[in-house]
All heavy atoms as atom14 arrays in JSON, in Angstrom:
{
  "sequence": "TINNDALNLNAIEVIRTNMLSVGEVSKSTSIQKIIDSCLSGE",
  "atom14_mask": [
    [1, 1, 1, 1, 1, 1, 1, 0, 0, 0, 0, 0, 0, 0],
    [1, 1, 1, 1, 1, 1, 1, 1, 0, 0, 0, 0, 0, 0],
    [1, 1, 1, 1, 1, 1, 1, 1, 0, 0, 0, 0, 0, 0],
    [1, 1, 1, 1, 1, 1, 1, 1, 0, 0, 0, 0, 0, 0],
    [1, 1, 1, 1, 1, 1, 1, 1, 0, 0, 0, 0, 0, 0],
    [1, 1, 1, 1, 1, 0, 0, 0, 0, 0, 0, 0, 0, 0],
    [1, 1, 1, 1, 1, 1, 1, 1, 0, 0, 0, 0, 0, 0],
    [1, 1, 1, 1, 1, 1, 1, 1, 0, 0, 0, 0, 0, 0],
    [1, 1, 1, 1, 1, 1, 1, 1, 0, 0, 0, 0, 0, 0],
    [1, 1, 1, 1, 1, 1, 1, 1, 0, 0, 0, 0, 0, 0],
    [1, 1, 1, 1, 1, 0, 0, 0, 0, 0, 0, 0, 0, 0],
    [1, 1, 1, 1, 1, 1, 1, 1, 0, 0, 0, 0, 0, 0],
    [1, 1, 1, 1, 1, 1, 1, 1, 1, 0, 0, 0, 0, 0],
    [1, 1, 1, 1, 1, 1, 1, 0, 0, 0, 0, 0, 0, 0],
    [1, 1, 1, 1, 1, 1, 1, 1, 0, 0, 0, 0, 0, 0],
    [1, 1, 1, 1, 1, 1, 1, 1, 1, 1, 1, 0, 0, 0],
    [1, 1, 1, 1, 1, 1, 1, 0, 0, 0, 0, 0, 0, 0],
    [1, 1, 1, 1, 1, 1, 1, 1, 0, 0, 0, 0, 0, 0],
    [1, 1, 1, 1, 1, 1, 1, 1, 0, 0, 0, 0, 0, 0],
    [1, 1, 1, 1, 1, 1, 1, 1, 0, 0, 0, 0, 0, 0],
    [1, 1, 1, 1, 1, 1, 0, 0, 0, 0, 0, 0, 0, 0],
    [1, 1, 1, 1, 1, 1, 1, 0, 0, 0, 0, 0, 0, 0],
    [1, 1, 1, 1, 0, 0, 0, 0, 0, 0, 0, 0, 0, 0],
    [1, 1, 1, 1, 1, 1, 1, 1, 1, 0, 0, 0, 0, 0],
    [1, 1, 1, 1, 1, 1, 1, 0, 0, 0, 0, 0, 0, 0],
    [1, 1, 1, 1, 1, 1, 0, 0, 0, 0, 0, 0, 0, 0],
    [1, 1, 1, 1, 1, 1, 1, 1, 1, 0, 0, 0, 0, 0],
    [1, 1, 1, 1, 1, 1, 0, 0, 0, 0, 0, 0, 0, 0],
    [1, 1, 1, 1, 1, 1, 1, 0, 0, 0, 0, 0, 0, 0],
    [1, 1, 1, 1, 1, 1, 0, 0, 0, 0, 0, 0, 0, 0],
    [1, 1, 1, 1, 1, 1, 1, 1, 0, 0, 0, 0, 0, 0],
    [1, 1, 1, 1, 1, 1, 1, 1, 1, 0, 0, 0, 0, 0],
    [1, 1, 1, 1, 1, 1, 1, 1, 1, 0, 0, 0, 0, 0],
    [1, 1, 1, 1, 1, 1, 1, 1, 0, 0, 0, 0, 0, 0],
    [1, 1, 1, 1, 1, 1, 1, 1, 0, 0, 0, 0, 0, 0],
    [1, 1, 1, 1, 1, 1, 1, 1, 0, 0, 0, 0, 0, 0],
    [1, 1, 1, 1, 1, 1, 0, 0, 0, 0, 0, 0, 0, 0],
    [1, 1, 1, 1, 1, 1, 0, 0, 0, 0, 0, 0, 0, 0],
    [1, 1, 1, 1, 1, 1, 1, 1, 0, 0, 0, 0, 0, 0],
    [1, 1, 1, 1, 1, 1, 0, 0, 0, 0, 0, 0, 0, 0],
    [1, 1, 1, 1, 0, 0, 0, 0, 0, 0, 0, 0, 0, 0],
    [1, 1, 1, 1, 1, 1, 1, 1, 1, 0, 0, 0, 0, 0]
  ],
  "atom14_positions": [
    [[105.02, 132.45, 134.58], [105.39, 132.55, 133.08], [106.43, 131.58, 132.67], [106.49, 131.26, 131.48], [105.84, 133.95, 132.82], [106.92, 134.3, 133.64], [104.74, 135.01, 133.11], [0.0, 0.0, 0.0], [0.0, 0.0, 0.0], [0.0, 0.0, 0.0], [0.0, 0.0, 0.0], [0.0, 0.0, 0.0], [0.0, 0.0, 0.0], [0.0, 0.0, 0.0]],
    [[107.2, 131.1, 133.61], [108.36, 130.22, 133.26], [108.25, 128.86, 133.91], [108.08, 128.73, 135.08], [109.71, 130.84, 133.57], [109.89, 132.24, 133.01], [110.84, 129.92, 133.11], [109.81, 132.29, 131.5], [0.0, 0.0, 0.0], [0.0, 0.0, 0.0], [0.0, 0.0, 0.0], [0.0, 0.0, 0.0], [0.0, 0.0, 0.0], [0.0, 0.0, 0.0]],
    [[108.19, 127.78, 133.08], [108.1, 126.47, 133.67], [109.51, 125.9, 134.02], [110.57, 126.45, 133.6], [107.37, 125.5, 132.74], [108.03, 125.35, 131.37], [109.21, 125.35, 131.19], [107.2, 125.47, 130.32], [0.0, 0.0, 0.0], [0.0, 0.0, 0.0], [0.0, 0.0, 0.0], [0.0, 0.0, 0.0], [0.0, 0.0, 0.0], [0.0, 0.0, 0.0]],
    [[109.55, 124.84, 134.73], [110.88, 124.3, 135.13], [111.72, 123.76, 134.03], [112.91, 123.86, 134.06], [110.52, 123.17, 136.18], [109.93, 123.73, 137.45], [110.11, 124.86, 137.84], [109.15, 122.86, 138.17], [0.0, 0.0, 0.0], [0.0, 0.0, 0.0], [0.0, 0.0, 0.0], [0.0, 0.0, 0.0], [0.0, 0.0, 0.0], [0.0, 0.0, 0.0]],
    [[111.02, 123.16, 133.03], [111.8, 122.62, 131.93], [112.58, 123.68, 131.16], [113.72, 123.45, 130.84], [110.88, 121.89, 130.94], [110.17, 120.64, 131.56], [110.77, 120.15, 132.58], [109.07, 120.28, 131.15], [0.0, 0.0, 0.0], [0.0, 0.0, 0.0], [0.0, 0.0, 0.0], [0.0, 0.0, 0.0], [0.0, 0.0, 0.0], [0.0, 0.0, 0.0]],
    [[111.95, 124.83, 131.04], [112.67, 125.96, 130.32], [113.89, 126.37, 131.15], [114.89, 126.74, 130.67], [111.72, 127.11, 130.03], [0.0, 0.0, 0.0], [0.0, 0.0, 0.0], [0.0, 0.0, 0.0], [0.0, 0.0, 0.0], [0.0, 0.0, 0.0], [0.0, 0.0, 0.0], [0.0, 0.0, 0.0], [0.0, 0.0, 0.0], [0.0, 0.0, 0.0]],
    [[113.63, 126.51, 132.46], [114.71, 126.98, 133.33], [115.88, 126.05, 133.39], [117.04, 126.39, 133.38], [114.2, 127.24, 134.74], [113.48, 128.48, 134.95], [112.9, 128.59, 136.34], [114.3, 129.75, 134.72], [0.0, 0.0, 0.0], [0.0, 0.0, 0.0], [0.0, 0.0, 0.0], [0.0, 0.0, 0.0], [0.0, 0.0, 0.0], [0.0, 0.0, 0.0]],
    [[115.56, 124.72, 133.39], [116.65, 123.75, 133.44], [117.4, 123.63, 132.18], [118.57, 123.24, 132.1], [116.0, 122.37, 133.75], [115.36, 122.3, 135.21], [115.86, 122.95, 136.03], [114.39, 121.47, 135.33], [0.0, 0.0, 0.0], [0.0, 0.0, 0.0], [0.0, 0.0, 0.0], [0.0, 0.0, 0.0], [0.0, 0.0, 0.0], [0.0, 0.0, 0.0]],
    [[116.76, 124.02, 131.11], [117.42, 123.94, 129.73], [118.45, 125.0, 129.62], [119.67, 124.79, 129.33], [116.41, 124.06, 128.63], [116.95, 123.97, 127.22], [117.58, 122.54, 126.99], [115.93, 124.23, 126.2], [0.0, 0.0, 0.0], [0.0, 0.0, 0.0], [0.0, 0.0, 0.0], [0.0, 0.0, 0.0], [0.0, 0.0, 0.0], [0.0, 0.0, 0.0]],
    [[118.15, 126.32, 129.86], [119.1, 127.42, 129.75], [118.52, 128.61, 130.57], [117.85, 129.47, 130.04], [119.27, 127.76, 128.32], [120.54, 128.73, 128.14], [121.03, 129.22, 129.12], [120.93, 129.01, 126.94], [0.0, 0.0, 0.0], [0.0, 0.0, 0.0], [0.0, 0.0, 0.0], [0.0, 0.0, 0.0], [0.0, 0.0, 0.0], [0.0, 0.0, 0.0]],
    [[118.74, 128.54, 131.87], [118.06, 129.48, 132.72], [118.48, 130.94, 132.42], [117.63, 131.82, 132.39], [118.41, 129.16, 134.16], [0.0, 0.0, 0.0], [0.0, 0.0, 0.0], [0.0, 0.0, 0.0], [0.0, 0.0, 0.0], [0.0, 0.0, 0.0], [0.0, 0.0, 0.0], [0.0, 0.0, 0.0], [0.0, 0.0, 0.0], [0.0, 0.0, 0.0]],
    [[119.79, 131.18, 132.25], [120.25, 132.51, 131.97], [119.63, 133.14, 130.7], [119.19, 134.35, 130.75], [121.79, 132.56, 131.91], [122.39, 132.42, 133.35], [122.28, 133.86, 131.28], [122.24, 133.63, 134.21], [0.0, 0.0, 0.0], [0.0, 0.0, 0.0], [0.0, 0.0, 0.0], [0.0, 0.0, 0.0], [0.0, 0.0, 0.0], [0.0, 0.0, 0.0]],
    [[119.62, 132.38, 129.69], [119.01, 132.9, 128.42], [117.57, 133.12, 128.54], [116.97, 134.14, 127.98], [119.34, 131.95, 127.26], [118.94, 132.43, 125.89], [119.73, 133.72, 125.55], [120.79, 133.92, 126.03], [119.09, 134.45, 124.67], [0.0, 0.0, 0.0], [0.0, 0.0, 0.0], [0.0, 0.0, 0.0], [0.0, 0.0, 0.0], [0.0, 0.0, 0.0]],
    [[116.86, 132.26, 129.18], [115.42, 132.4, 129.44], [115.13, 133.75, 130.22], [114.24, 134.5, 129.87], [114.81, 131.18, 130.09], [113.37, 131.44, 130.48], [114.94, 129.95, 129.16], [0.0, 0.0, 0.0], [0.0, 0.0, 0.0], [0.0, 0.0, 0.0], [0.0, 0.0, 0.0], [0.0, 0.0, 0.0], [0.0, 0.0, 0.0], [0.0, 0.0, 0.0]],
    [[115.9, 133.88, 131.27], [115.75, 135.09, 132.1], [116.01, 136.36, 131.34], [115.28, 137.32, 131.32], [116.62, 135.01, 133.38], [116.11, 133.9, 134.29], [116.62, 136.33, 134.15], [117.0, 133.62, 135.47], [0.0, 0.0, 0.0], [0.0, 0.0, 0.0], [0.0, 0.0, 0.0], [0.0, 0.0, 0.0], [0.0, 0.0, 0.0], [0.0, 0.0, 0.0]],
    [[117.1, 136.34, 130.54], [117.53, 137.51, 129.75], [116.42, 137.92, 128.77], [116.21, 139.14, 128.53], [118.86, 137.33, 129.15], [119.51, 138.52, 128.44], [120.79, 138.18, 127.76], [120.54, 137.41, 126.57], [120.28, 137.93, 125.38], [120.24, 139.28, 125.2], [120.07, 137.23, 124.29], [0.0, 0.0, 0.0], [0.0, 0.0, 0.0], [0.0, 0.0, 0.0]],
    [[115.93, 136.98, 128.13], [114.99, 137.23, 126.98], [113.51, 137.43, 127.39], [112.76, 137.92, 126.59], [115.13, 136.15, 125.9], [114.87, 134.84, 126.51], [116.52, 136.12, 125.31], [0.0, 0.0, 0.0], [0.0, 0.0, 0.0], [0.0, 0.0, 0.0], [0.0, 0.0, 0.0], [0.0, 0.0, 0.0], [0.0, 0.0, 0.0], [0.0, 0.0, 0.0]],
    [[113.18, 136.84, 128.55], [111.68, 136.83, 128.89], [111.39, 137.54, 130.14], [110.12, 137.91, 130.31], [111.31, 135.38, 129.0], [111.32, 134.61, 127.73], [110.48, 134.67, 126.88], [112.48, 133.81, 127.55], [0.0, 0.0, 0.0], [0.0, 0.0, 0.0], [0.0, 0.0, 0.0], [0.0, 0.0, 0.0], [0.0, 0.0, 0.0], [0.0, 0.0, 0.0]],
    [[112.29, 137.86, 131.0], [111.89, 138.32, 132.36], [112.37, 139.65, 132.72], [111.78, 140.39, 133.51], [112.3, 137.3, 133.39], [111.81, 135.88, 133.08], [111.7, 134.93, 134.61], [110.46, 135.84, 135.47], [0.0, 0.0, 0.0], [0.0, 0.0, 0.0], [0.0, 0.0, 0.0], [0.0, 0.0, 0.0], [0.0, 0.0, 0.0], [0.0, 0.0, 0.0]],
    [[113.46, 140.09, 132.29], [114.06, 141.32, 132.71], [113.64, 142.49, 131.79], [113.85, 142.55, 130.61], [115.64, 141.23, 132.67], [116.25, 140.27, 133.59], [117.75, 140.19, 133.45], [115.85, 140.48, 135.04], [0.0, 0.0, 0.0], [0.0, 0.0, 0.0], [0.0, 0.0, 0.0], [0.0, 0.0, 0.0], [0.0, 0.0, 0.0], [0.0, 0.0, 0.0]],
    [[113.03, 143.52, 132.41], [112.59, 144.69, 131.66], [113.52, 145.82, 131.83], [113.2, 146.88, 132.3], [111.14, 145.06, 132.12], [111.15, 145.29, 133.5], [0.0, 0.0, 0.0], [0.0, 0.0, 0.0], [0.0, 0.0, 0.0], [0.0, 0.0, 0.0], [0.0, 0.0, 0.0], [0.0, 0.0, 0.0], [0.0, 0.0, 0.0], [0.0, 0.0, 0.0]],
    [[114.83, 145.53, 131.47], [115.89, 146.55, 131.6], [116.48, 146.69, 130.18], [116.6, 145.66, 129.48], [116.91, 146.1, 132.56], [118.04, 147.18, 132.74], [116.27, 145.9, 133.96], [0.0, 0.0, 0.0], [0.0, 0.0, 0.0], [0.0, 0.0, 0.0], [0.0, 0.0, 0.0], [0.0, 0.0, 0.0], [0.0, 0.0, 0.0], [0.0, 0.0, 0.0]],
    [[116.87, 147.9, 129.85], [117.35, 148.12, 128.48], [118.61, 147.38, 128.12], [118.79, 146.87, 127.04], [0.0, 0.0, 0.0], [0.0, 0.0, 0.0], [0.0, 0.0, 0.0], [0.0, 0.0, 0.0], [0.0, 0.0, 0.0], [0.0, 0.0, 0.0], [0.0, 0.0, 0.0], [0.0, 0.0, 0.0], [0.0, 0.0, 0.0], [0.0, 0.0, 0.0]],
    [[119.6, 147.45, 128.97], [120.94, 146.86, 128.61], [121.26, 145.72, 129.54], [121.49, 145.92, 130.71], [121.99, 148.06, 128.76], [123.31, 147.69, 128.28], [124.35, 148.86, 128.41], [123.89, 150.01, 128.57], [125.5, 148.58, 128.34], [0.0, 0.0, 0.0], [0.0, 0.0, 0.0], [0.0, 0.0, 0.0], [0.0, 0.0, 0.0], [0.0, 0.0, 0.0]],
    [[121.35, 144.57, 128.9], [121.71, 143.36, 129.69], [122.73, 142.62, 128.78], [122.55, 142.43, 127.6], [120.46, 142.47, 129.94], [120.87, 141.26, 130.71], [119.45, 143.27, 130.73], [0.0, 0.0, 0.0], [0.0, 0.0, 0.0], [0.0, 0.0, 0.0], [0.0, 0.0, 0.0], [0.0, 0.0, 0.0], [0.0, 0.0, 0.0], [0.0, 0.0, 0.0]],
    [[123.79, 142.11, 129.46], [124.82, 141.35, 128.74], [125.19, 140.19, 129.58], [125.01, 140.15, 130.75], [126.0, 142.24, 128.38], [126.55, 142.73, 129.58], [0.0, 0.0, 0.0], [0.0, 0.0, 0.0], [0.0, 0.0, 0.0], [0.0, 0.0, 0.0], [0.0, 0.0, 0.0], [0.0, 0.0, 0.0], [0.0, 0.0, 0.0], [0.0, 0.0, 0.0]],
    [[125.76, 139.21, 128.89], [126.22, 137.9, 129.54], [127.8, 137.89, 129.58], [128.44, 138.51, 128.7], [125.75, 136.67, 128.78], [124.27, 136.57, 128.82], [123.82, 135.16, 128.25], [124.1, 135.09, 126.84], [123.66, 133.77, 126.2], [0.0, 0.0, 0.0], [0.0, 0.0, 0.0], [0.0, 0.0, 0.0], [0.0, 0.0, 0.0], [0.0, 0.0, 0.0]],
    [[128.26, 137.3, 130.59], [129.7, 137.2, 130.78], [130.02, 135.85, 131.59], [129.27, 135.48, 132.47], [130.26, 138.4, 131.4], [131.68, 138.22, 131.6], [0.0, 0.0, 0.0], [0.0, 0.0, 0.0], [0.0, 0.0, 0.0], [0.0, 0.0, 0.0], [0.0, 0.0, 0.0], [0.0, 0.0, 0.0], [0.0, 0.0, 0.0], [0.0, 0.0, 0.0]],
    [[131.3, 135.33, 131.23], [131.68, 134.18, 132.11], [132.95, 134.53, 132.87], [133.45, 133.72, 133.66], [132.04, 132.96, 131.16], [133.03, 133.42, 130.2], [130.77, 132.58, 130.41], [0.0, 0.0, 0.0], [0.0, 0.0, 0.0], [0.0, 0.0, 0.0], [0.0, 0.0, 0.0], [0.0, 0.0, 0.0], [0.0, 0.0, 0.0], [0.0, 0.0, 0.0]],
    [[133.55, 135.74, 132.63], [134.71, 136.12, 133.29], [134.46, 136.77, 134.68], [133.67, 137.74, 134.76], [135.55, 137.13, 132.36], [136.62, 137.71, 133.11], [0.0, 0.0, 0.0], [0.0, 0.0, 0.0], [0.0, 0.0, 0.0], [0.0, 0.0, 0.0], [0.0, 0.0, 0.0], [0.0, 0.0, 0.0], [0.0, 0.0, 0.0], [0.0, 0.0, 0.0]],
    [[135.14, 136.28, 135.68], [134.94, 136.85, 136.99], [135.44, 138.2, 137.11], [134.79, 139.16, 137.65], [135.62, 135.98, 138.03], [134.82, 134.59, 138.17], [135.65, 136.63, 139.4], [135.42, 133.65, 139.21], [0.0, 0.0, 0.0], [0.0, 0.0, 0.0], [0.0, 0.0, 0.0], [0.0, 0.0, 0.0], [0.0, 0.0, 0.0], [0.0, 0.0, 0.0]],
    [[136.58, 138.52, 136.51], [137.17, 139.9, 136.52], [136.21, 140.87, 135.84], [136.05, 142.02, 136.3], [138.54, 139.91, 135.89], [139.26, 141.22, 136.01], [139.6, 141.61, 137.43], [140.03, 140.84, 138.25], [139.13, 142.89, 137.8], [0.0, 0.0, 0.0], [0.0, 0.0, 0.0], [0.0, 0.0, 0.0], [0.0, 0.0, 0.0], [0.0, 0.0, 0.0]],
    [[135.62, 140.48, 134.72], [134.8, 141.38, 133.97], [133.49, 141.7, 134.78], [133.02, 142.84, 134.83], [134.38, 140.75, 132.64], [133.58, 141.7, 131.71], [133.31, 141.0, 130.42], [132.62, 142.04, 129.43], [131.28, 142.44, 129.93], [0.0, 0.0, 0.0], [0.0, 0.0, 0.0], [0.0, 0.0, 0.0], [0.0, 0.0, 0.0], [0.0, 0.0, 0.0]],
    [[132.86, 140.69, 135.41], [131.7, 140.97, 136.25], [132.02, 141.82, 137.42], [131.16, 142.65, 137.91], [130.92, 139.71, 136.53], [131.74, 138.85, 137.55], [130.6, 138.9, 135.34], [131.05, 137.63, 138.02], [0.0, 0.0, 0.0], [0.0, 0.0, 0.0], [0.0, 0.0, 0.0], [0.0, 0.0, 0.0], [0.0, 0.0, 0.0], [0.0, 0.0, 0.0]],
    [[133.2, 141.63, 138.03], [133.56, 142.45, 139.18], [133.73, 143.97, 138.71], [133.23, 144.89, 139.38], [134.86, 141.95, 139.78], [134.67, 140.56, 140.48], [135.38, 142.95, 140.78], [133.65, 140.64, 141.58], [0.0, 0.0, 0.0], [0.0, 0.0, 0.0], [0.0, 0.0, 0.0], [0.0, 0.0, 0.0], [0.0, 0.0, 0.0], [0.0, 0.0, 0.0]],
    [[134.35, 144.17, 137.52], [134.51, 145.51, 136.99], [133.11, 146.15, 136.74], [132.91, 147.31, 137.0], [135.35, 145.5, 135.79], [136.83, 145.11, 136.09], [137.2, 145.2, 137.23], [137.56, 144.75, 135.14], [0.0, 0.0, 0.0], [0.0, 0.0, 0.0], [0.0, 0.0, 0.0], [0.0, 0.0, 0.0], [0.0, 0.0, 0.0], [0.0, 0.0, 0.0]],
    [[132.23, 145.34, 136.15], [130.88, 145.82, 135.98], [130.19, 146.2, 137.16], [129.45, 147.19, 137.26], [130.14, 144.73, 135.1], [130.72, 144.4, 133.87], [0.0, 0.0, 0.0], [0.0, 0.0, 0.0], [0.0, 0.0, 0.0], [0.0, 0.0, 0.0], [0.0, 0.0, 0.0], [0.0, 0.0, 0.0], [0.0, 0.0, 0.0], [0.0, 0.0, 0.0]],
    [[130.32, 145.37, 138.28], [129.66, 145.65, 139.52], [130.19, 146.92, 140.14], [129.44, 147.81, 140.6], [129.88, 144.5, 140.44], [129.04, 144.68, 142.09], [0.0, 0.0, 0.0], [0.0, 0.0, 0.0], [0.0, 0.0, 0.0], [0.0, 0.0, 0.0], [0.0, 0.0, 0.0], [0.0, 0.0, 0.0], [0.0, 0.0, 0.0], [0.0, 0.0, 0.0]],
    [[131.51, 147.15, 140.02], [132.07, 148.34, 140.6], [131.76, 149.6, 139.72], [131.92, 150.76, 140.21], [133.61, 148.23, 140.66], [134.17, 147.12, 141.58], [135.67, 147.01, 141.41], [133.8, 147.51, 143.05], [0.0, 0.0, 0.0], [0.0, 0.0, 0.0], [0.0, 0.0, 0.0], [0.0, 0.0, 0.0], [0.0, 0.0, 0.0], [0.0, 0.0, 0.0]],
    [[131.24, 149.43, 138.54], [130.78, 150.52, 137.68], [129.32, 150.82, 137.9], [128.81, 151.7, 137.21], [131.14, 150.21, 136.22], [132.45, 150.0, 136.05], [0.0, 0.0, 0.0], [0.0, 0.0, 0.0], [0.0, 0.0, 0.0], [0.0, 0.0, 0.0], [0.0, 0.0, 0.0], [0.0, 0.0, 0.0], [0.0, 0.0, 0.0], [0.0, 0.0, 0.0]],
    [[128.61, 150.11, 138.79], [127.2, 150.38, 139.04], [126.23, 149.45, 138.42], [125.07, 149.62, 138.56], [0.0, 0.0, 0.0], [0.0, 0.0, 0.0], [0.0, 0.0, 0.0], [0.0, 0.0, 0.0], [0.0, 0.0, 0.0], [0.0, 0.0, 0.0], [0.0, 0.0, 0.0], [0.0, 0.0, 0.0], [0.0, 0.0, 0.0], [0.0, 0.0, 0.0]],
    [[126.65, 148.35, 137.79], [125.77, 147.33, 137.18], [125.42, 146.29, 138.23], [126.16, 146.09, 139.23], [126.48, 146.65, 135.98], [126.75, 147.65, 134.85], [127.22, 146.94, 133.64], [127.07, 145.72, 133.47], [127.94, 147.66, 132.81], [0.0, 0.0, 0.0], [0.0, 0.0, 0.0], [0.0, 0.0, 0.0], [0.0, 0.0, 0.0], [0.0, 0.0, 0.0]]
  ]
}
C-alpha cells in the first residue's frame, strides 16, 4: 500500500494516517515525554 517515495517524504505522518488501525495515536519529539508514555502502557 505504501511506496518508497511516500515513506521518504514523511514516513511518520504516512504511517499515522494510513497504516495504524488504533484509535489514539499522537506524535512527539521529546524523549522524556515518550518515556513517560511508554511507562504508562503506550
